[in-house]
Each structure stands twice: as C-alpha cells, then as structure tokens.
PDB file of all heavy atoms in Angstrom:
ATOM      1  N   ARG A   1      60.788 137.974  67.606  1.00  0.00           N
ATOM      2  CA  ARG A   1      61.702 138.606  66.616  1.00  0.00           C
ATOM      3  C   ARG A   1      61.458 138.124  65.181  1.00  0.00           C
ATOM      4  O   ARG A   1      61.399 138.845  64.259  1.00  0.00           O
ATOM      5  CB  ARG A   1      63.176 138.265  67.002  1.00  0.00           C
ATOM      6  CG  ARG A   1      63.640 139.147  68.164  1.00  0.00           C
ATOM      7  CD  ARG A   1      65.110 138.969  68.441  1.00  0.00           C
ATOM      8  NE  ARG A   1      65.543 139.758  69.552  1.00  0.00           N
ATOM      9  CZ  ARG A   1      66.436 139.498  70.400  1.00  0.00           C
ATOM     10  NH1 ARG A   1      67.101 138.339  70.296  1.00  0.00           N
ATOM     11  NH2 ARG A   1      66.779 140.290  71.369  1.00  0.00           N
ATOM     12  N   GLU A   2      61.158 136.821  65.119  1.00  0.00           N
ATOM     13  CA  GLU A   2      60.870 136.269  63.777  1.00  0.00           C
ATOM     14  C   GLU A   2      59.568 136.818  63.254  1.00  0.00           C
ATOM     15  O   GLU A   2      59.470 137.232  62.073  1.00  0.00           O
ATOM     16  CB  GLU A   2      60.718 134.747  63.890  1.00  0.00           C
ATOM     17  CG  GLU A   2      62.023 134.010  64.066  1.00  0.00           C
ATOM     18  CD  GLU A   2      61.861 132.482  64.311  1.00  0.00           C
ATOM     19  OE1 GLU A   2      60.690 132.004  64.070  1.00  0.00           O
ATOM     20  OE2 GLU A   2      62.834 131.862  64.644  1.00  0.00           O
ATOM     21  N   ASP A   3      58.565 136.956  64.117  1.00  0.00           N
ATOM     22  CA  ASP A   3      57.287 137.555  63.690  1.00  0.00           C
ATOM     23  C   ASP A   3      57.465 138.995  63.329  1.00  0.00           C
ATOM     24  O   ASP A   3      56.872 139.433  62.301  1.00  0.00           O
ATOM     25  CB  ASP A   3      56.193 137.407  64.852  1.00  0.00           C
ATOM     26  CG  ASP A   3      55.808 135.966  65.074  1.00  0.00           C
ATOM     27  OD1 ASP A   3      56.065 135.098  64.217  1.00  0.00           O
ATOM     28  OD2 ASP A   3      55.238 135.723  66.093  1.00  0.00           O
ATOM     29  N   ALA A   4      58.235 139.750  64.078  1.00  0.00           N
ATOM     30  CA  ALA A   4      58.484 141.156  63.755  1.00  0.00           C
ATOM     31  C   ALA A   4      59.223 141.279  62.458  1.00  0.00           C
ATOM     32  O   ALA A   4      58.859 142.172  61.601  1.00  0.00           O
ATOM     33  CB  ALA A   4      59.277 141.764  64.895  1.00  0.00           C
ATOM     34  N   LYS A   5      60.136 140.416  62.175  1.00  0.00           N
ATOM     35  CA  LYS A   5      60.951 140.425  60.957  1.00  0.00           C
ATOM     36  C   LYS A   5      59.986 140.142  59.750  1.00  0.00           C
ATOM     37  O   LYS A   5      60.015 140.807  58.703  1.00  0.00           O
ATOM     38  CB  LYS A   5      62.072 139.430  61.003  1.00  0.00           C
ATOM     39  CG  LYS A   5      62.819 139.232  59.658  1.00  0.00           C
ATOM     40  CD  LYS A   5      63.840 140.282  59.539  1.00  0.00           C
ATOM     41  CE  LYS A   5      64.799 139.963  58.367  1.00  0.00           C
ATOM     42  NZ  LYS A   5      64.662 140.910  57.243  1.00  0.00           N
ATOM     43  N   ALA A   6      59.153 139.138  59.906  1.00  0.00           N
ATOM     44  CA  ALA A   6      58.142 138.783  58.891  1.00  0.00           C
ATOM     45  C   ALA A   6      57.181 139.923  58.601  1.00  0.00           C
ATOM     46  O   ALA A   6      56.972 140.257  57.468  1.00  0.00           O
ATOM     47  CB  ALA A   6      57.338 137.529  59.231  1.00  0.00           C
ATOM     48  N   GLU A   7      56.790 140.575  59.671  1.00  0.00           N
ATOM     49  CA  GLU A   7      55.815 141.722  59.519  1.00  0.00           C
ATOM     50  C   GLU A   7      56.572 142.886  58.800  1.00  0.00           C
ATOM     51  O   GLU A   7      56.023 143.544  57.935  1.00  0.00           O
ATOM     52  CB  GLU A   7      55.304 142.169  60.860  1.00  0.00           C
ATOM     53  CG  GLU A   7      54.202 143.206  60.800  1.00  0.00           C
ATOM     54  CD  GLU A   7      52.971 142.647  60.090  1.00  0.00           C
ATOM     55  OE1 GLU A   7      52.641 141.510  60.172  1.00  0.00           O
ATOM     56  OE2 GLU A   7      52.291 143.526  59.479  1.00  0.00           O
ATOM     57  N   TYR A   8      57.794 143.068  59.226  1.00  0.00           N
ATOM     58  CA  TYR A   8      58.634 144.160  58.587  1.00  0.00           C
ATOM     59  C   TYR A   8      58.795 143.889  57.094  1.00  0.00           C
ATOM     60  O   TYR A   8      58.639 144.744  56.277  1.00  0.00           O
ATOM     61  CB  TYR A   8      59.989 144.190  59.292  1.00  0.00           C
ATOM     62  CG  TYR A   8      61.013 145.138  58.619  1.00  0.00           C
ATOM     63  CD1 TYR A   8      60.909 146.524  58.779  1.00  0.00           C
ATOM     64  CD2 TYR A   8      62.034 144.616  57.825  1.00  0.00           C
ATOM     65  CE1 TYR A   8      61.841 147.327  58.244  1.00  0.00           C
ATOM     66  CE2 TYR A   8      62.969 145.474  57.216  1.00  0.00           C
ATOM     67  CZ  TYR A   8      62.849 146.755  57.429  1.00  0.00           C
ATOM     68  OH  TYR A   8      63.788 147.630  56.802  1.00  0.00           O
ATOM     69  N   ASP A   9      59.126 142.627  56.770  1.00  0.00           N
ATOM     70  CA  ASP A   9      59.304 142.233  55.328  1.00  0.00           C
ATOM     71  C   ASP A   9      57.985 142.487  54.550  1.00  0.00           C
ATOM     72  O   ASP A   9      58.016 142.991  53.436  1.00  0.00           O
ATOM     73  CB  ASP A   9      59.741 140.779  55.240  1.00  0.00           C
ATOM     74  CG  ASP A   9      61.209 140.622  55.687  1.00  0.00           C
ATOM     75  OD1 ASP A   9      61.923 141.676  55.826  1.00  0.00           O
ATOM     76  OD2 ASP A   9      61.553 139.424  55.977  1.00  0.00           O
ATOM     77  N   LYS A  10      56.839 142.066  55.165  1.00  0.00           N
ATOM     78  CA  LYS A  10      55.556 142.267  54.513  1.00  0.00           C
ATOM     79  C   LYS A  10      55.319 143.736  54.290  1.00  0.00           C
ATOM     80  O   LYS A  10      54.878 144.148  53.198  1.00  0.00           O
ATOM     81  CB  LYS A  10      54.434 141.705  55.336  1.00  0.00           C
ATOM     82  CG  LYS A  10      54.293 140.227  55.284  1.00  0.00           C
ATOM     83  CD  LYS A  10      53.132 139.823  56.208  1.00  0.00           C
ATOM     84  CE  LYS A  10      53.112 138.313  56.339  1.00  0.00           C
ATOM     85  NZ  LYS A  10      52.029 137.885  57.273  1.00  0.00           N
ATOM     86  N   THR A  11      55.615 144.562  55.279  1.00  0.00           N
ATOM     87  CA  THR A  11      55.376 146.037  55.162  1.00  0.00           C
ATOM     88  C   THR A  11      56.283 146.612  54.081  1.00  0.00           C
ATOM     89  O   THR A  11      55.826 147.483  53.266  1.00  0.00           O
ATOM     90  CB  THR A  11      55.683 146.740  56.524  1.00  0.00           C
ATOM     91  OG1 THR A  11      54.842 146.160  57.519  1.00  0.00           O
ATOM     92  CG2 THR A  11      55.400 148.190  56.424  1.00  0.00           C
ATOM     93  N   ILE A  12      57.575 146.165  54.040  1.00  0.00           N
ATOM     94  CA  ILE A  12      58.460 146.675  52.991  1.00  0.00           C
ATOM     95  C   ILE A  12      57.975 146.209  51.622  1.00  0.00           C
ATOM     96  O   ILE A  12      57.975 147.042  50.688  1.00  0.00           O
ATOM     97  CB  ILE A  12      59.886 146.141  53.319  1.00  0.00           C
ATOM     98  CG1 ILE A  12      60.437 146.752  54.565  1.00  0.00           C
ATOM     99  CG2 ILE A  12      60.844 146.402  52.077  1.00  0.00           C
ATOM    100  CD1 ILE A  12      60.619 148.289  54.540  1.00  0.00           C
ATOM    101  N   ASP A  13      57.541 144.976  51.512  1.00  0.00           N
ATOM    102  CA  ASP A  13      57.070 144.528  50.213  1.00  0.00           C
ATOM    103  C   ASP A  13      55.741 145.346  49.752  1.00  0.00           C
ATOM    104  O   ASP A  13      55.710 145.692  48.588  1.00  0.00           O
ATOM    105  CB  ASP A  13      56.759 142.990  50.283  1.00  0.00           C
ATOM    106  CG  ASP A  13      57.963 142.174  50.375  1.00  0.00           C
ATOM    107  OD1 ASP A  13      59.085 142.683  50.085  1.00  0.00           O
ATOM    108  OD2 ASP A  13      57.826 140.955  50.735  1.00  0.00           O
ATOM    109  N   ARG A  14      54.903 145.559  50.732  1.00  0.00           N
ATOM    110  CA  ARG A  14      53.741 146.324  50.387  1.00  0.00           C
ATOM    111  C   ARG A  14      54.101 147.757  49.935  1.00  0.00           C
ATOM    112  O   ARG A  14      53.519 148.316  48.965  1.00  0.00           O
ATOM    113  CB  ARG A  14      52.804 146.415  51.585  1.00  0.00           C
ATOM    114  CG  ARG A  14      51.540 145.505  51.465  1.00  0.00           C
ATOM    115  CD  ARG A  14      50.582 145.741  52.589  1.00  0.00           C
ATOM    116  NE  ARG A  14      50.896 144.763  53.598  1.00  0.00           N
ATOM    117  CZ  ARG A  14      51.094 144.954  54.912  1.00  0.00           C
ATOM    118  NH1 ARG A  14      50.938 146.187  55.341  1.00  0.00           N
ATOM    119  NH2 ARG A  14      51.389 144.017  55.719  1.00  0.00           N
ATOM    120  N   ALA A  15      55.073 148.334  50.638  1.00  0.00           N
ATOM    121  CA  ALA A  15      55.504 149.716  50.275  1.00  0.00           C
ATOM    122  C   ALA A  15      56.133 149.684  48.945  1.00  0.00           C
ATOM    123  O   ALA A  15      55.898 150.625  48.118  1.00  0.00           O
ATOM    124  CB  ALA A  15      56.476 150.178  51.390  1.00  0.00           C
ATOM    125  N   ARG A  16      56.960 148.695  48.593  1.00  0.00           N
ATOM    126  CA  ARG A  16      57.578 148.541  47.254  1.00  0.00           C
ATOM    127  C   ARG A  16      56.447 148.459  46.236  1.00  0.00           C
ATOM    128  O   ARG A  16      56.522 149.080  45.127  1.00  0.00           O
ATOM    129  CB  ARG A  16      58.522 147.454  47.214  1.00  0.00           C
ATOM    130  CG  ARG A  16      59.819 147.702  47.902  1.00  0.00           C
ATOM    131  CD  ARG A  16      60.781 146.590  47.735  1.00  0.00           C
ATOM    132  NE  ARG A  16      62.026 146.802  48.490  1.00  0.00           N
ATOM    133  CZ  ARG A  16      62.650 145.905  49.180  1.00  0.00           C
ATOM    134  NH1 ARG A  16      62.267 144.728  49.156  1.00  0.00           N
ATOM    135  NH2 ARG A  16      63.773 146.251  49.862  1.00  0.00           N
ATOM    136  N   ASP A  17      55.483 147.602  46.450  1.00  0.00           N
ATOM    137  CA  ASP A  17      54.420 147.405  45.494  1.00  0.00           C
ATOM    138  C   ASP A  17      53.653 148.761  45.283  1.00  0.00           C
ATOM    139  O   ASP A  17      53.341 149.085  44.164  1.00  0.00           O
ATOM    140  CB  ASP A  17      53.475 146.296  45.949  1.00  0.00           C
ATOM    141  CG  ASP A  17      54.053 144.904  45.873  1.00  0.00           C
ATOM    142  OD1 ASP A  17      55.097 144.768  45.251  1.00  0.00           O
ATOM    143  OD2 ASP A  17      53.474 143.993  46.519  1.00  0.00           O
ATOM    144  N   ASP A  18      53.370 149.428  46.429  1.00  0.00           N
ATOM    145  CA  ASP A  18      52.610 150.703  46.309  1.00  0.00           C
ATOM    146  C   ASP A  18      53.446 151.711  45.566  1.00  0.00           C
ATOM    147  O   ASP A  18      52.893 152.449  44.708  1.00  0.00           O
ATOM    148  CB  ASP A  18      52.286 151.176  47.663  1.00  0.00           C
ATOM    149  CG  ASP A  18      51.230 150.393  48.418  1.00  0.00           C
ATOM    150  OD1 ASP A  18      50.580 149.570  47.702  1.00  0.00           O
ATOM    151  OD2 ASP A  18      51.057 150.567  49.640  1.00  0.00           O
ATOM    152  N   ALA A  19      54.741 151.761  45.841  1.00  0.00           N
ATOM    153  CA  ALA A  19      55.631 152.676  45.100  1.00  0.00           C
ATOM    154  C   ALA A  19      55.647 152.361  43.620  1.00  0.00           C
ATOM    155  O   ALA A  19      55.587 153.263  42.748  1.00  0.00           O
ATOM    156  CB  ALA A  19      57.027 152.636  45.676  1.00  0.00           C
ATOM    157  N   GLN A  20      55.718 151.082  43.312  1.00  0.00           N
ATOM    158  CA  GLN A  20      55.771 150.682  41.912  1.00  0.00           C
ATOM    159  C   GLN A  20      54.408 151.079  41.214  1.00  0.00           C
ATOM    160  O   GLN A  20      54.367 151.529  40.082  1.00  0.00           O
ATOM    161  CB  GLN A  20      55.987 149.192  41.784  1.00  0.00           C
ATOM    162  CG  GLN A  20      56.172 148.726  40.335  1.00  0.00           C
ATOM    163  CD  GLN A  20      57.403 149.401  39.641  1.00  0.00           C
ATOM    164  OE1 GLN A  20      58.430 149.529  40.267  1.00  0.00           O
ATOM    165  NE2 GLN A  20      57.235 149.791  38.400  1.00  0.00           N
ATOM    166  N   LYS A  21      53.271 150.888  41.902  1.00  0.00           N
ATOM    167  CA  LYS A  21      51.990 151.293  41.361  1.00  0.00           C
ATOM    168  C   LYS A  21      51.936 152.756  41.127  1.00  0.00           C
ATOM    169  O   LYS A  21      51.478 153.279  40.108  1.00  0.00           O
ATOM    170  CB  LYS A  21      50.817 150.874  42.328  1.00  0.00           C
ATOM    171  CG  LYS A  21      50.531 149.396  42.302  1.00  0.00           C
ATOM    172  CD  LYS A  21      49.501 148.979  43.302  1.00  0.00           C
ATOM    173  CE  LYS A  21      49.267 147.544  43.355  1.00  0.00           C
ATOM    174  NZ  LYS A  21      48.300 147.161  44.413  1.00  0.00           N
ATOM    175  N   ILE A  22      52.418 153.528  42.132  1.00  0.00           N
ATOM    176  CA  ILE A  22      52.476 155.014  41.969  1.00  0.00           C
ATOM    177  C   ILE A  22      53.323 155.364  40.735  1.00  0.00           C
ATOM    178  O   ILE A  22      52.909 156.306  40.018  1.00  0.00           O
ATOM    179  CB  ILE A  22      52.942 155.663  43.272  1.00  0.00           C
ATOM    180  CG1 ILE A  22      51.871 155.495  44.335  1.00  0.00           C
ATOM    181  CG2 ILE A  22      53.274 157.106  43.079  1.00  0.00           C
ATOM    182  CD1 ILE A  22      52.368 155.879  45.797  1.00  0.00           C
ATOM    183  N   LYS A  23      54.486 154.779  40.598  1.00  0.00           N
ATOM    184  CA  LYS A  23      55.327 155.065  39.473  1.00  0.00           C
ATOM    185  C   LYS A  23      54.625 154.783  38.190  1.00  0.00           C
ATOM    186  O   LYS A  23      54.718 155.564  37.219  1.00  0.00           O
ATOM    187  CB  LYS A  23      56.633 154.228  39.545  1.00  0.00           C
ATOM    188  CG  LYS A  23      57.624 154.751  40.499  1.00  0.00           C
ATOM    189  CD  LYS A  23      58.902 153.820  40.515  1.00  0.00           C
ATOM    190  CE  LYS A  23      59.937 154.177  41.533  1.00  0.00           C
ATOM    191  NZ  LYS A  23      61.103 153.336  41.478  1.00  0.00           N
ATOM    192  N   ASP A  24      54.018 153.530  38.103  1.00  0.00           N
ATOM    193  CA  ASP A  24      53.290 153.189  36.920  1.00  0.00           C
ATOM    194  C   ASP A  24      52.164 154.151  36.568  1.00  0.00           C
ATOM    195  O   ASP A  24      51.991 154.584  35.429  1.00  0.00           O
ATOM    196  CB  ASP A  24      52.731 151.733  37.022  1.00  0.00           C
ATOM    197  CG  ASP A  24      53.811 150.684  37.146  1.00  0.00           C
ATOM    198  OD1 ASP A  24      54.948 151.033  36.737  1.00  0.00           O
ATOM    199  OD2 ASP A  24      53.479 149.574  37.548  1.00  0.00           O
ATOM    200  N   GLU A  25      51.398 154.532  37.638  1.00  0.00           N
ATOM    201  CA  GLU A  25      50.339 155.478  37.380  1.00  0.00           C
ATOM    202  C   GLU A  25      50.903 156.856  36.954  1.00  0.00           C
ATOM    203  O   GLU A  25      50.340 157.558  36.115  1.00  0.00           O
ATOM    204  CB  GLU A  25      49.518 155.657  38.661  1.00  0.00           C
ATOM    205  CG  GLU A  25      48.642 154.434  38.921  1.00  0.00           C
ATOM    206  CD  GLU A  25      47.871 154.529  40.240  1.00  0.00           C
ATOM    207  OE1 GLU A  25      47.935 155.546  40.920  1.00  0.00           O
ATOM    208  OE2 GLU A  25      47.204 153.525  40.672  1.00  0.00           O
ATOM    209  N   ALA A  26      51.993 157.262  37.572  1.00  0.00           N
ATOM    210  CA  ALA A  26      52.605 158.543  37.181  1.00  0.00           C
ATOM    211  C   ALA A  26      53.112 158.486  35.730  1.00  0.00           C
ATOM    212  O   ALA A  26      52.931 159.495  35.007  1.00  0.00           O
ATOM    213  CB  ALA A  26      53.746 158.896  38.119  1.00  0.00           C
ATOM    214  N   ALA A  27      53.696 157.360  35.381  1.00  0.00           N
ATOM    215  CA  ALA A  27      54.096 157.176  33.988  1.00  0.00           C
ATOM    216  C   ALA A  27      52.997 157.303  33.015  1.00  0.00           C
ATOM    217  O   ALA A  27      53.073 157.904  31.966  1.00  0.00           O
ATOM    218  CB  ALA A  27      54.877 155.903  33.785  1.00  0.00           C
ATOM    219  N   LYS A  28      51.879 156.592  33.381  1.00  0.00           N
ATOM    220  CA  LYS A  28      50.603 156.615  32.478  1.00  0.00           C
ATOM    221  C   LYS A  28      50.122 158.050  32.434  1.00  0.00           C
ATOM    222  O   LYS A  28      49.759 158.534  31.349  1.00  0.00           O
ATOM    223  CB  LYS A  28      49.582 155.670  33.083  1.00  0.00           C
ATOM    224  CG  LYS A  28      49.810 154.196  32.834  1.00  0.00           C
ATOM    225  CD  LYS A  28      48.723 153.469  33.422  1.00  0.00           C
ATOM    226  CE  LYS A  28      49.025 151.941  33.327  1.00  0.00           C
ATOM    227  NZ  LYS A  28      47.975 151.121  34.007  1.00  0.00           N
ATOM    228  N   ALA A  29      50.122 158.759  33.600  1.00  0.00           N
ATOM    229  CA  ALA A  29      49.632 160.139  33.588  1.00  0.00           C
ATOM    230  C   ALA A  29      50.471 161.005  32.754  1.00  0.00           C
ATOM    231  O   ALA A  29      50.046 161.858  32.041  1.00  0.00           O
ATOM    232  CB  ALA A  29      49.488 160.602  35.032  1.00  0.00           C
ATOM    233  N   ALA A  30      51.799 160.822  32.890  1.00  0.00           N
ATOM    234  CA  ALA A  30      52.749 161.577  32.078  1.00  0.00           C
ATOM    235  C   ALA A  30      52.567 161.359  30.630  1.00  0.00           C
ATOM    236  O   ALA A  30      52.606 162.281  29.820  1.00  0.00           O
ATOM    237  CB  ALA A  30      54.184 161.316  32.563  1.00  0.00           C
ATOM    238  N   LYS A  31      52.364 160.083  30.229  1.00  0.00           N
ATOM    239  CA  LYS A  31      52.096 159.714  28.809  1.00  0.00           C
ATOM    240  C   LYS A  31      50.869 160.402  28.334  1.00  0.00           C
ATOM    241  O   LYS A  31      50.887 160.933  27.211  1.00  0.00           O
ATOM    242  CB  LYS A  31      52.103 158.240  28.749  1.00  0.00           C
ATOM    243  CG  LYS A  31      52.066 157.708  27.288  1.00  0.00           C
ATOM    244  CD  LYS A  31      52.163 156.212  27.235  1.00  0.00           C
ATOM    245  CE  LYS A  31      52.181 155.762  25.796  1.00  0.00           C
ATOM    246  NZ  LYS A  31      52.186 154.320  25.673  1.00  0.00           N
ATOM    247  N   LEU A  32      49.800 160.330  29.103  1.00  0.00           N
ATOM    248  CA  LEU A  32      48.539 160.976  28.724  1.00  0.00           C
ATOM    249  C   LEU A  32      48.764 162.478  28.565  1.00  0.00           C
ATOM    250  O   LEU A  32      48.234 163.046  27.591  1.00  0.00           O
ATOM    251  CB  LEU A  32      47.413 160.643  29.751  1.00  0.00           C
ATOM    252  CG  LEU A  32      46.825 159.278  29.707  1.00  0.00           C
ATOM    253  CD1 LEU A  32      45.851 159.146  30.889  1.00  0.00           C
ATOM    254  CD2 LEU A  32      46.115 159.114  28.410  1.00  0.00           C
ATOM    255  N   GLN A  33      49.472 163.068  29.521  1.00  0.00           N
ATOM    256  CA  GLN A  33      49.698 164.522  29.467  1.00  0.00           C
ATOM    257  C   GLN A  33      50.499 164.833  28.214  1.00  0.00           C
ATOM    258  O   GLN A  33      50.281 165.855  27.522  1.00  0.00           O
ATOM    259  CB  GLN A  33      50.377 164.989  30.671  1.00  0.00           C
ATOM    260  CG  GLN A  33      49.548 165.027  31.929  1.00  0.00           C
ATOM    261  CD  GLN A  33      48.354 165.962  31.852  1.00  0.00           C
ATOM    262  OE1 GLN A  33      48.499 167.050  31.203  1.00  0.00           O
ATOM    263  NE2 GLN A  33      47.350 165.588  32.481  1.00  0.00           N
ATOM    264  N   THR A  34      51.471 164.023  27.871  1.00  0.00           N
ATOM    265  CA  THR A  34      52.336 164.220  26.749  1.00  0.00           C
ATOM    266  C   THR A  34      51.459 164.093  25.440  1.00  0.00           C
ATOM    267  O   THR A  34      51.550 164.945  24.520  1.00  0.00           O
ATOM    268  CB  THR A  34      53.474 163.140  26.637  1.00  0.00           C
ATOM    269  OG1 THR A  34      54.232 163.282  27.845  1.00  0.00           O
ATOM    270  CG2 THR A  34      54.351 163.378  25.475  1.00  0.00           C
ATOM    271  N   GLU A  35      50.559 163.110  25.441  1.00  0.00           N
ATOM    272  CA  GLU A  35      49.668 162.963  24.283  1.00  0.00           C
ATOM    273  C   GLU A  35      48.701 164.122  24.125  1.00  0.00           C
ATOM    274  O   GLU A  35      48.465 164.658  22.994  1.00  0.00           O
ATOM    275  CB  GLU A  35      48.882 161.641  24.351  1.00  0.00           C
ATOM    276  CG  GLU A  35      49.690 160.386  24.230  1.00  0.00           C
ATOM    277  CD  GLU A  35      50.331 160.208  22.868  1.00  0.00           C
ATOM    278  OE1 GLU A  35      49.679 160.591  21.853  1.00  0.00           O
ATOM    279  OE2 GLU A  35      51.465 159.757  22.793  1.00  0.00           O
ATOM    280  N   LYS A  36      48.239 164.607  25.282  1.00  0.00           N
ATOM    281  CA  LYS A  36      47.328 165.752  25.257  1.00  0.00           C
ATOM    282  C   LYS A  36      48.074 166.971  24.724  1.00  0.00           C
ATOM    283  O   LYS A  36      47.624 167.801  23.984  1.00  0.00           O
ATOM    284  CB  LYS A  36      46.729 166.029  26.638  1.00  0.00           C
ATOM    285  CG  LYS A  36      45.562 165.101  27.019  1.00  0.00           C
ATOM    286  CD  LYS A  36      45.073 165.510  28.424  1.00  0.00           C
ATOM    287  CE  LYS A  36      44.023 164.586  28.853  1.00  0.00           C
ATOM    288  NZ  LYS A  36      43.581 164.915  30.243  1.00  0.00           N
ATOM    289  N   ALA A  37      49.310 167.123  25.292  1.00  0.00           N
ATOM    290  CA  ALA A  37      50.118 168.315  24.861  1.00  0.00           C
ATOM    291  C   ALA A  37      50.420 168.238  23.374  1.00  0.00           C
ATOM    292  O   ALA A  37      50.354 169.301  22.666  1.00  0.00           O
ATOM    293  CB  ALA A  37      51.439 168.360  25.673  1.00  0.00           C
ATOM    294  N   LYS A  38      50.759 166.999  22.843  1.00  0.00           N
ATOM    295  CA  LYS A  38      51.034 166.907  21.448  1.00  0.00           C
ATOM    296  C   LYS A  38      49.807 167.251  20.567  1.00  0.00           C
ATOM    297  O   LYS A  38      49.914 167.952  19.571  1.00  0.00           O
ATOM    298  CB  LYS A  38      51.447 165.418  21.099  1.00  0.00           C
ATOM    299  CG  LYS A  38      52.872 165.118  21.511  1.00  0.00           C
ATOM    300  CD  LYS A  38      53.217 163.701  21.145  1.00  0.00           C
ATOM    301  CE  LYS A  38      54.617 163.259  21.551  1.00  0.00           C
ATOM    302  NZ  LYS A  38      54.956 161.920  21.259  1.00  0.00           N
ATOM    303  N   ARG A  39      48.648 166.729  21.070  1.00  0.00           N
ATOM    304  CA  ARG A  39      47.395 167.054  20.383  1.00  0.00           C
ATOM    305  C   ARG A  39      47.105 168.547  20.368  1.00  0.00           C
ATOM    306  O   ARG A  39      46.713 169.171  19.356  1.00  0.00           O
ATOM    307  CB  ARG A  39      46.221 166.273  20.924  1.00  0.00           C
ATOM    308  CG  ARG A  39      45.919 164.994  20.179  1.00  0.00           C
ATOM    309  CD  ARG A  39      44.574 164.438  20.672  1.00  0.00           C
ATOM    310  NE  ARG A  39      44.953 163.130  21.317  1.00  0.00           N
ATOM    311  CZ  ARG A  39      44.594 162.870  22.574  1.00  0.00           C
ATOM    312  NH1 ARG A  39      43.889 163.682  23.269  1.00  0.00           N
ATOM    313  NH2 ARG A  39      45.038 161.810  23.144  1.00  0.00           N
ATOM    314  N   ALA A  40      47.344 169.167  21.535  1.00  0.00           N
ATOM    315  CA  ALA A  40      47.092 170.582  21.693  1.00  0.00           C
ATOM    316  C   ALA A  40      48.016 171.354  20.731  1.00  0.00           C
ATOM    317  O   ALA A  40      47.613 172.343  20.070  1.00  0.00           O
ATOM    318  CB  ALA A  40      47.252 171.030  23.139  1.00  0.00           C
ATOM    319  N   VAL A  41      49.356 170.968  20.663  1.00  0.00           N
ATOM    320  CA  VAL A  41      50.219 171.637  19.786  1.00  0.00           C
ATOM    321  C   VAL A  41      49.859 171.431  18.400  1.00  0.00           C
ATOM    322  O   VAL A  41      49.930 172.388  17.507  1.00  0.00           O
ATOM    323  CB  VAL A  41      51.689 171.109  20.088  1.00  0.00           C
ATOM    324  CG1 VAL A  41      52.647 171.564  18.994  1.00  0.00           C
ATOM    325  CG2 VAL A  41      52.150 171.577  21.419  1.00  0.00           C
ATOM    326  N   LYS A  42      49.467 170.200  18.021  1.00  0.00           N
ATOM    327  CA  LYS A  42      48.986 169.980  16.615  1.00  0.00           C
ATOM    328  C   LYS A  42      47.816 170.794  16.279  1.00  0.00           C
ATOM    329  O   LYS A  42      47.745 171.378  15.171  1.00  0.00           O
ATOM    330  CB  LYS A  42      48.658 168.479  16.453  1.00  0.00           C
ATOM    331  CG  LYS A  42      49.944 167.588  16.374  1.00  0.00           C
ATOM    332  CD  LYS A  42      49.485 166.123  16.192  1.00  0.00           C
ATOM    333  CE  LYS A  42      50.647 165.206  16.177  1.00  0.00           C
ATOM    334  NZ  LYS A  42      50.310 163.823  15.951  1.00  0.00           N
ATOM    335  N   GLU A  43      46.848 170.923  17.216  1.00  0.00           N
ATOM    336  CA  GLU A  43      45.702 171.699  16.926  1.00  0.00           C
ATOM    337  C   GLU A  43      46.091 173.220  16.783  1.00  0.00           C
ATOM    338  O   GLU A  43      45.529 173.855  15.916  1.00  0.00           O
ATOM    339  CB  GLU A  43      44.649 171.566  18.040  1.00  0.00           C
ATOM    340  CG  GLU A  43      43.948 170.204  18.001  1.00  0.00           C
ATOM    341  CD  GLU A  43      43.027 170.085  19.205  1.00  0.00           C
ATOM    342  OE1 GLU A  43      42.677 171.043  19.918  1.00  0.00           O
ATOM    343  OE2 GLU A  43      42.540 169.001  19.445  1.00  0.00           O
ATOM    344  N   GLU A  44      46.984 173.638  17.629  1.00  0.00           N
ATOM    345  CA  GLU A  44      47.407 175.031  17.569  1.00  0.00           C
ATOM    346  C   GLU A  44      48.163 175.256  16.196  1.00  0.00           C
ATOM    347  O   GLU A  44      47.963 176.305  15.536  1.00  0.00           O
ATOM    348  CB  GLU A  44      48.308 175.372  18.738  1.00  0.00           C
ATOM    349  CG  GLU A  44      48.560 176.849  18.843  1.00  0.00           C
ATOM    350  CD  GLU A  44      49.267 177.198  20.125  1.00  0.00           C
ATOM    351  OE1 GLU A  44      49.005 176.567  21.188  1.00  0.00           O
ATOM    352  OE2 GLU A  44      50.136 178.086  20.049  1.00  0.00           O
ATOM    353  N   ILE A  45      48.990 174.301  15.856  1.00  0.00           N
ATOM    354  CA  ILE A  45      49.796 174.415  14.572  1.00  0.00           C
ATOM    355  C   ILE A  45      48.716 174.460  13.431  1.00  0.00           C
ATOM    356  O   ILE A  45      48.893 175.250  12.485  1.00  0.00           O
ATOM    357  CB  ILE A  45      50.785 173.286  14.447  1.00  0.00           C
ATOM    358  CG1 ILE A  45      51.917 173.530  15.452  1.00  0.00           C
ATOM    359  CG2 ILE A  45      51.332 173.242  13.022  1.00  0.00           C
ATOM    360  CD1 ILE A  45      52.929 172.411  15.464  1.00  0.00           C
ATOM    361  N   ALA A  46      47.705 173.628  13.586  1.00  0.00           N
ATOM    362  CA  ALA A  46      46.674 173.579  12.471  1.00  0.00           C
ATOM    363  C   ALA A  46      46.033 174.910  12.380  1.00  0.00           C
ATOM    364  O   ALA A  46      45.811 175.442  11.309  1.00  0.00           O
ATOM    365  CB  ALA A  46      45.769 172.396  12.730  1.00  0.00           C
TER     366      ALA A  46
END
C-alpha cells in the first residue's frame, strides 16, 4: 500500500508538472500568436 501510494503520488506530480508545462507552452504560443496578429494588423494598417 505504501509503495502504491508513493507511485500514485509520483504519477500525480508528473501529471501536474506536465500540465504546467503544457500551460506554459500554450501561454507562450498564445503570446506569439498575439504578437504575430499585432504585427499583421500593424502591417495591414500601414
């Protein structure tokens, strides 16, 4: 039971880390898309 609990905790921690990485990457991708959209709008306005 202790081993299973430890493995469960490790799996949960790994999943949280992976989810945080995905969120960070999504935020970076969204920021890049926003910057690209701003540049495209600026170019179009120009």
